[in-house]
Amino acid sequence: MIEQVITIDKVDIRKVELKLGGIAKKAPDVMTRALNRAVQTARTAAVQEIRQGYVIKAKDVRSTMKIVRASRK
Protein backbone atom coordinates (compact mmCIF):
# COMPACT_ATOMS: atom_id res chain seq x y z
CA MET A 1 0.00 0.00 0.00
CA ILE A 2 1.28 3.44 -0.90
CA GLU A 3 0.79 6.20 1.62
CA GLN A 4 1.30 9.84 0.77
CA VAL A 5 1.43 12.43 3.53
CA ILE A 6 1.42 16.18 2.95
CA THR A 7 2.79 18.36 5.72
CA ILE A 8 2.66 22.12 6.03
CA ASP A 9 4.87 23.99 8.45
CA LYS A 10 4.75 27.51 9.88
CA VAL A 11 6.92 28.86 7.07
CA ASP A 12 4.41 27.67 4.47
CA ILE A 13 1.53 29.21 6.41
CA ARG A 14 3.42 32.50 6.70
CA LYS A 15 4.00 32.59 2.92
CA VAL A 16 0.29 32.14 2.29
CA GLU A 17 -0.58 34.82 4.84
CA LEU A 18 1.74 37.29 3.10
CA LYS A 19 0.12 36.57 -0.27
CA LEU A 20 -3.38 36.99 1.17
CA GLY A 21 -2.52 40.42 2.59
CA GLY A 22 -5.53 41.91 4.39
CA ILE A 23 -7.30 38.60 4.82
CA ALA A 24 -4.32 36.73 6.25
CA LYS A 25 -6.37 35.24 9.09
CA LYS A 26 -8.17 33.14 6.50
CA ALA A 27 -4.93 31.33 5.53
CA PRO A 28 -5.82 28.09 7.35
CA ASP A 29 -9.22 28.00 5.63
CA VAL A 30 -7.71 28.68 2.22
CA MET A 31 -5.02 26.04 2.65
CA THR A 32 -7.46 23.44 3.95
CA ARG A 33 -9.79 23.90 0.99
CA ALA A 34 -6.92 23.85 -1.48
CA LEU A 35 -5.45 20.65 -0.02
CA ASN A 36 -8.79 18.87 0.01
CA ARG A 37 -9.49 19.87 -3.58
CA ALA A 38 -5.99 18.79 -4.66
CA VAL A 39 -6.46 15.37 -3.07
CA GLN A 40 -9.80 14.90 -4.84
CA THR A 41 -8.24 15.89 -8.16
CA ALA A 42 -5.29 13.55 -7.61
CA ARG A 43 -7.63 10.66 -6.85
CA THR A 44 -9.63 11.34 -10.01
CA ALA A 45 -6.45 11.40 -12.10
CA ALA A 46 -5.20 8.18 -10.47
CA VAL A 47 -8.49 6.39 -11.15
CA GLN A 48 -8.43 7.48 -14.80
CA GLU A 49 -4.81 6.41 -15.22
CA ILE A 50 -5.41 3.00 -13.67
CA ARG A 51 -8.49 2.40 -15.81
CA GLN A 52 -6.48 3.00 -18.98
CA GLY A 53 -4.35 -0.04 -18.21
CA TYR A 54 -6.99 -2.35 -16.74
CA VAL A 55 -10.61 -3.25 -17.35
CA ILE A 56 -12.05 -2.25 -13.99
CA LYS A 57 -14.88 -0.06 -12.77
CA ALA A 58 -13.96 3.36 -11.40
CA LYS A 59 -15.99 2.55 -8.29
CA ASP A 60 -13.83 -0.49 -7.60
CA VAL A 61 -10.61 1.50 -7.94
CA ARG A 62 -11.92 4.39 -5.84
CA SER A 63 -13.04 2.05 -3.05
CA THR A 64 -9.42 0.96 -2.48
CA MET A 65 -8.31 4.53 -1.75
CA LYS A 66 -8.67 6.19 1.62
CA ILE A 67 -8.64 9.96 1.84
CA VAL A 68 -8.23 11.78 5.15
CA ARG A 69 -9.47 15.30 4.65
CA ALA A 70 -7.41 18.22 5.90
CA SER A 71 -8.78 20.41 8.66
CA ARG A 72 -7.82 23.80 10.06
CA LYS A 73 -5.88 22.06 12.81
PDB file of N, CA and C in Angstrom:
ATOM      1  N   MET A   1       0.841  -1.176   0.000  1.00  0.00           N
ATOM      2  CA  MET A   1       0.000   0.000   0.000  1.00  0.00           C
ATOM      3  C   MET A   1       0.889   1.244   0.000  1.00  0.00           C
ATOM      4  N   ILE A   2       0.529   2.186  -0.804  1.00  0.00           N
ATOM      5  CA  ILE A   2       1.278   3.437  -0.899  1.00  0.00           C
ATOM      6  C   ILE A   2       0.579   4.482  -0.042  1.00  0.00           C
ATOM      7  N   GLU A   3       1.347   5.149   0.786  1.00  0.00           N
ATOM      8  CA  GLU A   3       0.792   6.198   1.624  1.00  0.00           C
ATOM      9  C   GLU A   3       1.509   7.489   1.318  1.00  0.00           C
ATOM     10  N   GLN A   4       0.736   8.528   1.072  1.00  0.00           N
ATOM     11  CA  GLN A   4       1.300   9.838   0.768  1.00  0.00           C
ATOM     12  C   GLN A   4       0.839  10.815   1.840  1.00  0.00           C
ATOM     13  N   VAL A   5       1.757  11.476   2.485  1.00  0.00           N
ATOM     14  CA  VAL A   5       1.431  12.432   3.532  1.00  0.00           C
ATOM     15  C   VAL A   5       1.921  13.810   3.107  1.00  0.00           C
ATOM     16  N   ILE A   6       1.067  14.797   3.272  1.00  0.00           N
ATOM     17  CA  ILE A   6       1.418  16.178   2.955  1.00  0.00           C
ATOM     18  C   ILE A   6       1.504  16.938   4.271  1.00  0.00           C
ATOM     19  N   THR A   7       2.632  17.576   4.503  1.00  0.00           N
ATOM     20  CA  THR A   7       2.787  18.364   5.724  1.00  0.00           C
ATOM     21  C   THR A   7       3.025  19.826   5.372  1.00  0.00           C
ATOM     22  N   ILE A   8       2.501  20.677   6.219  1.00  0.00           N
ATOM     23  CA  ILE A   8       2.655  22.120   6.032  1.00  0.00           C
ATOM     24  C   ILE A   8       3.210  22.672   7.335  1.00  0.00           C
ATOM     25  N   ASP A   9       4.291  23.421   7.241  1.00  0.00           N
ATOM     26  CA  ASP A   9       4.868  23.986   8.452  1.00  0.00           C
ATOM     27  C   ASP A   9       4.551  25.479   8.561  1.00  0.00           C
ATOM     28  N   LYS A  10       5.039  26.098   9.611  1.00  0.00           N
ATOM     29  CA  LYS A  10       4.750  27.509   9.878  1.00  0.00           C
ATOM     30  C   LYS A  10       5.273  28.426   8.780  1.00  0.00           C
ATOM     31  N   VAL A  11       6.364  28.045   8.158  1.00  0.00           N
ATOM     32  CA  VAL A  11       6.924  28.857   7.074  1.00  0.00           C
ATOM     33  C   VAL A  11       5.950  28.890   5.895  1.00  0.00           C
ATOM     34  N   ASP A  12       5.379  27.735   5.573  1.00  0.00           N
ATOM     35  CA  ASP A  12       4.409  27.674   4.473  1.00  0.00           C
ATOM     36  C   ASP A  12       3.179  28.521   4.785  1.00  0.00           C
ATOM     37  N   ILE A  13       2.711  28.434   6.010  1.00  0.00           N
ATOM     38  CA  ILE A  13       1.534  29.214   6.406  1.00  0.00           C
ATOM     39  C   ILE A  13       1.843  30.703   6.323  1.00  0.00           C
ATOM     40  N   ARG A  14       3.026  31.092   6.750  1.00  0.00           N
ATOM     41  CA  ARG A  14       3.419  32.502   6.702  1.00  0.00           C
ATOM     42  C   ARG A  14       3.463  33.015   5.261  1.00  0.00           C
ATOM     43  N   LYS A  15       3.962  32.198   4.334  1.00  0.00           N
ATOM     44  CA  LYS A  15       4.005  32.587   2.923  1.00  0.00           C
ATOM     45  C   LYS A  15       2.601  32.844   2.389  1.00  0.00           C
ATOM     46  N   VAL A  16       1.676  31.974   2.747  1.00  0.00           N
ATOM     47  CA  VAL A  16       0.289  32.140   2.292  1.00  0.00           C
ATOM     48  C   VAL A  16      -0.313  33.397   2.908  1.00  0.00           C
ATOM     49  N   GLU A  17      -0.065  33.627   4.178  1.00  0.00           N
ATOM     50  CA  GLU A  17      -0.583  34.821   4.844  1.00  0.00           C
ATOM     51  C   GLU A  17      -0.085  36.092   4.156  1.00  0.00           C
ATOM     52  N   LEU A  18       1.183  36.116   3.780  1.00  0.00           N
ATOM     53  CA  LEU A  18       1.739  37.289   3.101  1.00  0.00           C
ATOM     54  C   LEU A  18       1.059  37.510   1.752  1.00  0.00           C
ATOM     55  N   LYS A  19       0.769  36.433   1.043  1.00  0.00           N
ATOM     56  CA  LYS A  19       0.119  36.566  -0.266  1.00  0.00           C
ATOM     57  C   LYS A  19      -1.340  37.002  -0.124  1.00  0.00           C
ATOM     58  N   LEU A  20      -1.981  36.618   0.974  1.00  0.00           N
ATOM     59  CA  LEU A  20      -3.384  36.987   1.174  1.00  0.00           C
ATOM     60  C   LEU A  20      -3.547  38.428   1.659  1.00  0.00           C
ATOM     61  N   GLY A  21      -2.483  39.014   2.175  1.00  0.00           N
ATOM     62  CA  GLY A  21      -2.517  40.418   2.595  1.00  0.00           C
ATOM     63  C   GLY A  21      -3.525  40.679   3.695  1.00  0.00           C
ATOM     64  N   GLY A  22      -4.554  41.473   3.393  1.00  0.00           N
ATOM     65  CA  GLY A  22      -5.532  41.913   4.385  1.00  0.00           C
ATOM     66  C   GLY A  22      -6.398  40.814   4.967  1.00  0.00           C
ATOM     67  N   ILE A  23      -6.464  39.695   4.309  1.00  0.00           N
ATOM     68  CA  ILE A  23      -7.301  38.603   4.821  1.00  0.00           C
ATOM     69  C   ILE A  23      -6.434  37.423   5.277  1.00  0.00           C
ATOM     70  N   ALA A  24      -5.296  37.740   5.856  1.00  0.00           N
ATOM     71  CA  ALA A  24      -4.316  36.726   6.248  1.00  0.00           C
ATOM     72  C   ALA A  24      -4.856  35.734   7.279  1.00  0.00           C
ATOM     73  N   LYS A  25      -5.818  36.148   8.077  1.00  0.00           N
ATOM     74  CA  LYS A  25      -6.367  35.242   9.090  1.00  0.00           C
ATOM     75  C   LYS A  25      -7.149  34.085   8.466  1.00  0.00           C
ATOM     76  N   LYS A  26      -7.445  34.201   7.205  1.00  0.00           N
ATOM     77  CA  LYS A  26      -8.169  33.140   6.496  1.00  0.00           C
ATOM     78  C   LYS A  26      -7.218  32.104   5.894  1.00  0.00           C
ATOM     79  N   ALA A  27      -5.921  32.247   6.108  1.00  0.00           N
ATOM     80  CA  ALA A  27      -4.928  31.334   5.527  1.00  0.00           C
ATOM     81  C   ALA A  27      -5.224  29.865   5.839  1.00  0.00           C
ATOM     82  N   PRO A  28      -5.525  29.500   7.086  1.00  0.00           N
ATOM     83  CA  PRO A  28      -5.823  28.086   7.353  1.00  0.00           C
ATOM     84  C   PRO A  28      -7.022  27.566   6.553  1.00  0.00           C
ATOM     85  N   ASP A  29      -8.052  28.405   6.412  1.00  0.00           N
ATOM     86  CA  ASP A  29      -9.224  27.999   5.632  1.00  0.00           C
ATOM     87  C   ASP A  29      -8.864  27.797   4.164  1.00  0.00           C
ATOM     88  N   VAL A  30      -8.112  28.746   3.630  1.00  0.00           N
ATOM     89  CA  VAL A  30      -7.712  28.683   2.221  1.00  0.00           C
ATOM     90  C   VAL A  30      -6.866  27.438   1.960  1.00  0.00           C
ATOM     91  N   MET A  31      -5.907  27.189   2.835  1.00  0.00           N
ATOM     92  CA  MET A  31      -5.020  26.042   2.648  1.00  0.00           C
ATOM     93  C   MET A  31      -5.765  24.720   2.803  1.00  0.00           C
ATOM     94  N   THR A  32      -6.678  24.656   3.747  1.00  0.00           N
ATOM     95  CA  THR A  32      -7.464  23.441   3.951  1.00  0.00           C
ATOM     96  C   THR A  32      -8.287  23.120   2.710  1.00  0.00           C
ATOM     97  N   ARG A  33      -8.962  24.113   2.191  1.00  0.00           N
ATOM     98  CA  ARG A  33      -9.789  23.899   0.995  1.00  0.00           C
ATOM     99  C   ARG A  33      -8.946  23.507  -0.210  1.00  0.00           C
ATOM    100  N   ALA A  34      -7.801  24.157  -0.356  1.00  0.00           N
ATOM    101  CA  ALA A  34      -6.920  23.850  -1.483  1.00  0.00           C
ATOM    102  C   ALA A  34      -6.375  22.424  -1.387  1.00  0.00           C
ATOM    103  N   LEU A  35      -5.961  22.014  -0.203  1.00  0.00           N
ATOM    104  CA  LEU A  35      -5.449  20.651  -0.017  1.00  0.00           C
ATOM    105  C   LEU A  35      -6.518  19.613  -0.307  1.00  0.00           C
ATOM    106  N   ASN A  36      -7.715  19.836   0.224  1.00  0.00           N
ATOM    107  CA  ASN A  36      -8.788  18.871   0.010  1.00  0.00           C
ATOM    108  C   ASN A  36      -9.160  18.766  -1.472  1.00  0.00           C
ATOM    109  N   ARG A  37      -9.180  19.885  -2.155  1.00  0.00           N
ATOM    110  CA  ARG A  37      -9.488  19.870  -3.584  1.00  0.00           C
ATOM    111  C   ARG A  37      -8.371  19.178  -4.366  1.00  0.00           C
ATOM    112  N   ALA A  38      -7.130  19.421  -3.978  1.00  0.00           N
ATOM    113  CA  ALA A  38      -5.991  18.792  -4.659  1.00  0.00           C
ATOM    114  C   ALA A  38      -6.026  17.271  -4.490  1.00  0.00           C
ATOM    115  N   VAL A  39      -6.386  16.820  -3.312  1.00  0.00           N
ATOM    116  CA  VAL A  39      -6.463  15.371  -3.075  1.00  0.00           C
ATOM    117  C   VAL A  39      -7.567  14.749  -3.923  1.00  0.00           C
ATOM    118  N   GLN A  40      -8.707  15.413  -4.017  1.00  0.00           N
ATOM    119  CA  GLN A  40      -9.800  14.898  -4.841  1.00  0.00           C
ATOM    120  C   GLN A  40      -9.380  14.823  -6.312  1.00  0.00           C
ATOM    121  N   THR A  41      -8.696  15.857  -6.770  1.00  0.00           N
ATOM    122  CA  THR A  41      -8.241  15.892  -8.158  1.00  0.00           C
ATOM    123  C   THR A  41      -7.200  14.805  -8.424  1.00  0.00           C
ATOM    124  N   ALA A  42      -6.310  14.595  -7.467  1.00  0.00           N
ATOM    125  CA  ALA A  42      -5.287  13.554  -7.611  1.00  0.00           C
ATOM    126  C   ALA A  42      -5.933  12.167  -7.659  1.00  0.00           C
ATOM    127  N   ARG A  43      -6.941  11.952  -6.835  1.00  0.00           N
ATOM    128  CA  ARG A  43      -7.631  10.659  -6.846  1.00  0.00           C
ATOM    129  C   ARG A  43      -8.316  10.432  -8.194  1.00  0.00           C
ATOM    130  N   THR A  44      -8.970  11.454  -8.713  1.00  0.00           N
ATOM    131  CA  THR A  44      -9.630  11.340 -10.015  1.00  0.00           C
ATOM    132  C   THR A  44      -8.623  10.993 -11.103  1.00  0.00           C
ATOM    133  N   ALA A  45      -7.484  11.673 -11.102  1.00  0.00           N
ATOM    134  CA  ALA A  45      -6.449  11.401 -12.103  1.00  0.00           C
ATOM    135  C   ALA A  45      -5.901   9.981 -11.955  1.00  0.00           C
ATOM    136  N   ALA A  46      -5.714   9.530 -10.708  1.00  0.00           N
ATOM    137  CA  ALA A  46      -5.203   8.178 -10.473  1.00  0.00           C
ATOM    138  C   ALA A  46      -6.183   7.125 -10.972  1.00  0.00           C
ATOM    139  N   VAL A  47      -7.457   7.337 -10.700  1.00  0.00           N
ATOM    140  CA  VAL A  47      -8.487   6.391 -11.155  1.00  0.00           C
ATOM    141  C   VAL A  47      -8.491   6.322 -12.680  1.00  0.00           C
ATOM    142  N   GLN A  48      -8.435   7.460 -13.339  1.00  0.00           N
ATOM    143  CA  GLN A  48      -8.431   7.478 -14.804  1.00  0.00           C
ATOM    144  C   GLN A  48      -7.196   6.783 -15.363  1.00  0.00           C
ATOM    145  N   GLU A  49      -6.056   7.022 -14.748  1.00  0.00           N
ATOM    146  CA  GLU A  49      -4.808   6.413 -15.219  1.00  0.00           C
ATOM    147  C   GLU A  49      -4.844   4.889 -15.047  1.00  0.00           C
ATOM    148  N   ILE A  50      -5.323   4.438 -13.925  1.00  0.00           N
ATOM    149  CA  ILE A  50      -5.408   3.000 -13.668  1.00  0.00           C
ATOM    150  C   ILE A  50      -6.367   2.339 -14.638  1.00  0.00           C
ATOM    151  N   ARG A  51      -7.483   2.982 -14.916  1.00  0.00           N
ATOM    152  CA  ARG A  51      -8.489   2.398 -15.808  1.00  0.00           C
ATOM    153  C   ARG A  51      -8.021   2.315 -17.257  1.00  0.00           C
ATOM    154  N   GLN A  52      -7.015   3.104 -17.621  1.00  0.00           N
ATOM    155  CA  GLN A  52      -6.476   3.004 -18.976  1.00  0.00           C
ATOM    156  C   GLN A  52      -5.722   1.699 -19.174  1.00  0.00           C
ATOM    157  N   GLY A  53      -5.146   1.171 -18.103  1.00  0.00           N
ATOM    158  CA  GLY A  53      -4.346  -0.043 -18.208  1.00  0.00           C
ATOM    159  C   GLY A  53      -5.093  -1.318 -17.870  1.00  0.00           C
ATOM    160  N   TYR A  54      -6.242  -1.181 -17.180  1.00  0.00           N
ATOM    161  CA  TYR A  54      -6.987  -2.352 -16.738  1.00  0.00           C
ATOM    162  C   TYR A  54      -8.468  -2.175 -17.033  1.00  0.00           C
ATOM    163  N   VAL A  55      -9.157  -3.288 -17.189  1.00  0.00           N
ATOM    164  CA  VAL A  55     -10.608  -3.249 -17.352  1.00  0.00           C
ATOM    165  C   VAL A  55     -11.196  -3.394 -15.949  1.00  0.00           C
ATOM    166  N   ILE A  56     -11.542  -2.276 -15.358  1.00  0.00           N
ATOM    167  CA  ILE A  56     -12.054  -2.253 -13.992  1.00  0.00           C
ATOM    168  C   ILE A  56     -12.955  -1.039 -13.833  1.00  0.00           C
ATOM    169  N   LYS A  57     -13.955  -1.170 -13.003  1.00  0.00           N
ATOM    170  CA  LYS A  57     -14.876  -0.060 -12.767  1.00  0.00           C
ATOM    171  C   LYS A  57     -14.196   0.998 -11.897  1.00  0.00           C
ATOM    172  N   ALA A  58     -14.525   2.252 -12.174  1.00  0.00           N
ATOM    173  CA  ALA A  58     -13.956   3.359 -11.396  1.00  0.00           C
ATOM    174  C   ALA A  58     -14.326   3.202  -9.929  1.00  0.00           C
ATOM    175  N   LYS A  59     -15.535   2.751  -9.666  1.00  0.00           N
ATOM    176  CA  LYS A  59     -15.987   2.555  -8.289  1.00  0.00           C
ATOM    177  C   LYS A  59     -15.093   1.573  -7.537  1.00  0.00           C
ATOM    178  N   ASP A  60     -14.679   0.516  -8.233  1.00  0.00           N
ATOM    179  CA  ASP A  60     -13.828  -0.489  -7.597  1.00  0.00           C
ATOM    180  C   ASP A  60     -12.432   0.052  -7.297  1.00  0.00           C
ATOM    181  N   VAL A  61     -11.923   0.890  -8.176  1.00  0.00           N
ATOM    182  CA  VAL A  61     -10.611   1.505  -7.939  1.00  0.00           C
ATOM    183  C   VAL A  61     -10.715   2.501  -6.790  1.00  0.00           C
ATOM    184  N   ARG A  62     -11.738   3.350  -6.847  1.00  0.00           N
ATOM    185  CA  ARG A  62     -11.924   4.391  -5.845  1.00  0.00           C
ATOM    186  C   ARG A  62     -12.115   3.806  -4.436  1.00  0.00           C
ATOM    187  N   SER A  63     -12.763   2.646  -4.365  1.00  0.00           N
ATOM    188  CA  SER A  63     -13.036   2.052  -3.053  1.00  0.00           C
ATOM    189  C   SER A  63     -11.768   1.571  -2.351  1.00  0.00           C
ATOM    190  N   THR A  64     -10.677   1.407  -3.094  1.00  0.00           N
ATOM    191  CA  THR A  64      -9.424   0.964  -2.483  1.00  0.00           C
ATOM    192  C   THR A  64      -8.608   2.122  -1.926  1.00  0.00           C
ATOM    193  N   MET A  65      -9.042   3.347  -2.192  1.00  0.00           N
ATOM    194  CA  MET A  65      -8.307   4.526  -1.750  1.00  0.00           C
ATOM    195  C   MET A  65      -8.973   5.139  -0.531  1.00  0.00           C
ATOM    196  N   LYS A  66      -8.163   5.531   0.426  1.00  0.00           N
ATOM    197  CA  LYS A  66      -8.669   6.190   1.619  1.00  0.00           C
ATOM    198  C   LYS A  66      -8.127   7.608   1.649  1.00  0.00           C
ATOM    199  N   ILE A  67      -9.033   8.564   1.784  1.00  0.00           N
ATOM    200  CA  ILE A  67      -8.640   9.960   1.842  1.00  0.00           C
ATOM    201  C   ILE A  67      -8.982  10.498   3.235  1.00  0.00           C
ATOM    202  N   VAL A  68      -8.010  11.105   3.868  1.00  0.00           N
ATOM    203  CA  VAL A  68      -8.230  11.777   5.148  1.00  0.00           C
ATOM    204  C   VAL A  68      -8.210  13.264   4.841  1.00  0.00           C
ATOM    205  N   ARG A  69      -9.359  13.883   5.006  1.00  0.00           N
ATOM    206  CA  ARG A  69      -9.471  15.298   4.652  1.00  0.00           C
ATOM    207  C   ARG A  69      -8.705  16.180   5.631  1.00  0.00           C
ATOM    208  N   ALA A  70      -8.134  17.241   5.082  1.00  0.00           N
ATOM    209  CA  ALA A  70      -7.408  18.216   5.905  1.00  0.00           C
ATOM    210  C   ALA A  70      -8.401  19.049   6.711  1.00  0.00           C
ATOM    211  N   SER A  71      -7.963  19.508   7.855  1.00  0.00           N
ATOM    212  CA  SER A  71      -8.777  20.405   8.659  1.00  0.00           C
ATOM    213  C   SER A  71      -7.931  21.612   9.051  1.00  0.00           C
ATOM    214  N   ARG A  72      -8.549  22.588   9.646  1.00  0.00           N
ATOM    215  CA  ARG A  72      -7.822  23.803  10.062  1.00  0.00           C
ATOM    216  C   ARG A  72      -6.705  23.476  11.047  1.00  0.00           C
ATOM    217  N   LYS A  73      -6.859  22.418  11.789  1.00  0.00           N
ATOM    218  CA  LYS A  73      -5.876  22.055  12.813  1.00  0.00           C
ATOM    219  C   LYS A  73      -4.780  21.232  12.225  1.00  0.00           C
TER     220      LYS A  73
END
